C-alpha atoms as a PDB file:
ATOM      1  CA  MET A   1     106.392 132.493  97.488  1.00  0.00           C
ATOM      2  CA  ILE A   2     109.622 131.389  96.259  1.00  0.00           C
ATOM      3  CA  LEU A   3     110.754 127.873  97.059  1.00  0.00           C
ATOM      4  CA  HIS A   4     114.273 126.757  96.436  1.00  0.00           C
ATOM      5  CA  THR A   5     114.529 123.276  96.668  1.00  0.00           C
ATOM      6  CA  ILE A   6     116.288 120.259  94.786  1.00  0.00           C
ATOM      7  CA  ILE A   7     113.149 118.216  95.733  1.00  0.00           C
ATOM      8  CA  ASP A   8     110.686 117.543  92.968  1.00  0.00           C
ATOM      9  CA  ILE A   9     107.597 119.938  93.109  1.00  0.00           C
ATOM     10  CA  ASN A  10     105.049 117.009  93.355  1.00  0.00           C
ATOM     11  CA  GLU A  11     106.887 115.421  96.305  1.00  0.00           C
ATOM     12  CA  VAL A  12     106.856 118.806  98.233  1.00  0.00           C
ATOM     13  CA  PHE A  13     102.999 119.568  97.901  1.00  0.00           C
ATOM     14  CA  LEU A  14     101.285 116.147  97.352  1.00  0.00           C
ATOM     15  CA  LYS A  15     100.249 114.360 100.403  1.00  0.00           C
ATOM     16  CA  PRO A  16     101.626 110.815 101.006  1.00  0.00           C
ATOM     17  CA  GLN A  17      99.150 108.232  99.806  1.00  0.00           C
ATOM     18  CA  GLU A  18      99.438 105.935 103.065  1.00  0.00           C
ATOM     19  CA  SER A  19     101.485 106.703 106.120  1.00  0.00           C
ATOM     20  CA  THR A  20     103.267 103.975 107.681  1.00  0.00           C
ATOM     21  CA  LYS A  21     103.643 103.946 111.394  1.00  0.00           C
ATOM     22  CA  THR A  22     107.163 103.527 112.660  1.00  0.00           C
ATOM     23  CA  GLU A  23     108.443 102.562 115.935  1.00  0.00           C
ATOM     24  CA  LEU A  24     111.385 103.742 117.842  1.00  0.00           C
ATOM     25  CA  HIS A  25     113.752 101.369 119.825  1.00  0.00           C
ATOM     26  CA  SER A  26     116.293 102.469 122.214  1.00  0.00           C
ATOM     27  CA  ILE A  27     119.812 101.202 121.881  1.00  0.00           C
ATOM     28  CA  SER A  28     122.800 101.860 124.182  1.00  0.00           C
ATOM     29  CA  HIS A  29     123.851 105.037 122.067  1.00  0.00           C
ATOM     30  CA  GLY A  30     120.795 105.950 120.256  1.00  0.00           C
ATOM     31  CA  VAL A  31     117.631 104.858 118.462  1.00  0.00           C
ATOM     32  CA  VAL A  32     116.585 102.467 115.745  1.00  0.00           C
ATOM     33  CA  GLN A  33     113.709 103.377 113.647  1.00  0.00           C
ATOM     34  CA  THR A  34     111.528 100.420 112.359  1.00  0.00           C
ATOM     35  CA  VAL A  35     108.267  99.667 110.392  1.00  0.00           C
ATOM     36  CA  ARG A  36     106.316  96.504 111.482  1.00  0.00           C
ATOM     37  CA  ASP A  37     105.238  94.030 108.844  1.00  0.00           C
ATOM     38  CA  GLU A  38     104.126  90.439 109.001  1.00  0.00           C
ATOM     39  CA  LYS A  39     107.526  89.077 109.775  1.00  0.00           C
ATOM     40  CA  GLY A  40     108.504  91.535 112.471  1.00  0.00           C
ATOM     41  CA  CYS A  41     110.066  95.034 112.851  1.00  0.00           C
ATOM     42  CA  ARG A  42     112.124  95.821 109.781  1.00  0.00           C
ATOM     43  CA  VAL A  43     114.921  98.528 110.296  1.00  0.00           C
ATOM     44  CA  CYS A  44     114.449 101.800 108.496  1.00  0.00           C
ATOM     45  CA  SER A  45     116.937 104.378 110.005  1.00  0.00           C
ATOM     46  CA  LEU A  46     119.698 104.313 112.653  1.00  0.00           C
ATOM     47  CA  PHE A  47     120.584 107.304 114.758  1.00  0.00           C
ATOM     48  CA  SER A  48     123.466 106.769 116.996  1.00  0.00           C
ATOM     49  CA  THR A  49     126.319 108.708 118.639  1.00  0.00           C
ATOM     50  CA  ASP A  50     128.528 105.562 118.281  1.00  0.00           C
ATOM     51  CA  LEU A  51     130.146 105.106 114.837  1.00  0.00           C
ATOM     52  CA  LYS A  52     130.507 101.239 115.279  1.00  0.00           C
ATOM     53  CA  ASP A  53     126.679 100.910 115.393  1.00  0.00           C
ATOM     54  CA  TYR A  54     126.651 101.905 111.756  1.00  0.00           C
ATOM     55  CA  LEU A  55     128.780  98.949 110.890  1.00  0.00           C
ATOM     56  CA  ASN A  56     126.660  96.447 112.852  1.00  0.00           C
ATOM     57  CA  PRO A  57     124.630  94.338 110.642  1.00  0.00           C
ATOM     58  CA  ARG A  58     121.744  94.169 113.236  1.00  0.00           C
ATOM     59  CA  TYR A  59     121.052  97.659 112.460  1.00  0.00           C
ATOM     60  CA  GLU A  60     121.291  97.364 108.697  1.00  0.00           C
ATOM     61  CA  PRO A  61     118.346  99.036 106.923  1.00  0.00           C
ATOM     62  CA  GLY A  62     115.962  96.168 105.758  1.00  0.00           C
ATOM     63  CA  SER A  63     117.138  93.687 108.268  1.00  0.00           C
ATOM     64  CA  TYR A  64     114.751  92.543 111.016  1.00  0.00           C
ATOM     65  CA  PHE A  65     115.433  94.193 114.488  1.00  0.00           C
ATOM     66  CA  GLN A  66     115.583  92.033 117.311  1.00  0.00           C
ATOM     67  CA  GLU A  67     115.863  93.575 120.943  1.00  0.00           C
END
């Protein structure tokens, strides 16, 4: 098998040590992916069809999401 990738071979074949459970929250034009910690839901990713959502500080990665 030949594998053509720019990702390190160890990242491809090694299993992740601990998987974090993510939560998806619906917003008006898409979805916000968050991870829950002791302070609340921290934003990981944003998937939206509205480009203005990507400029909104509420959905900035690392910020805490409030519905």
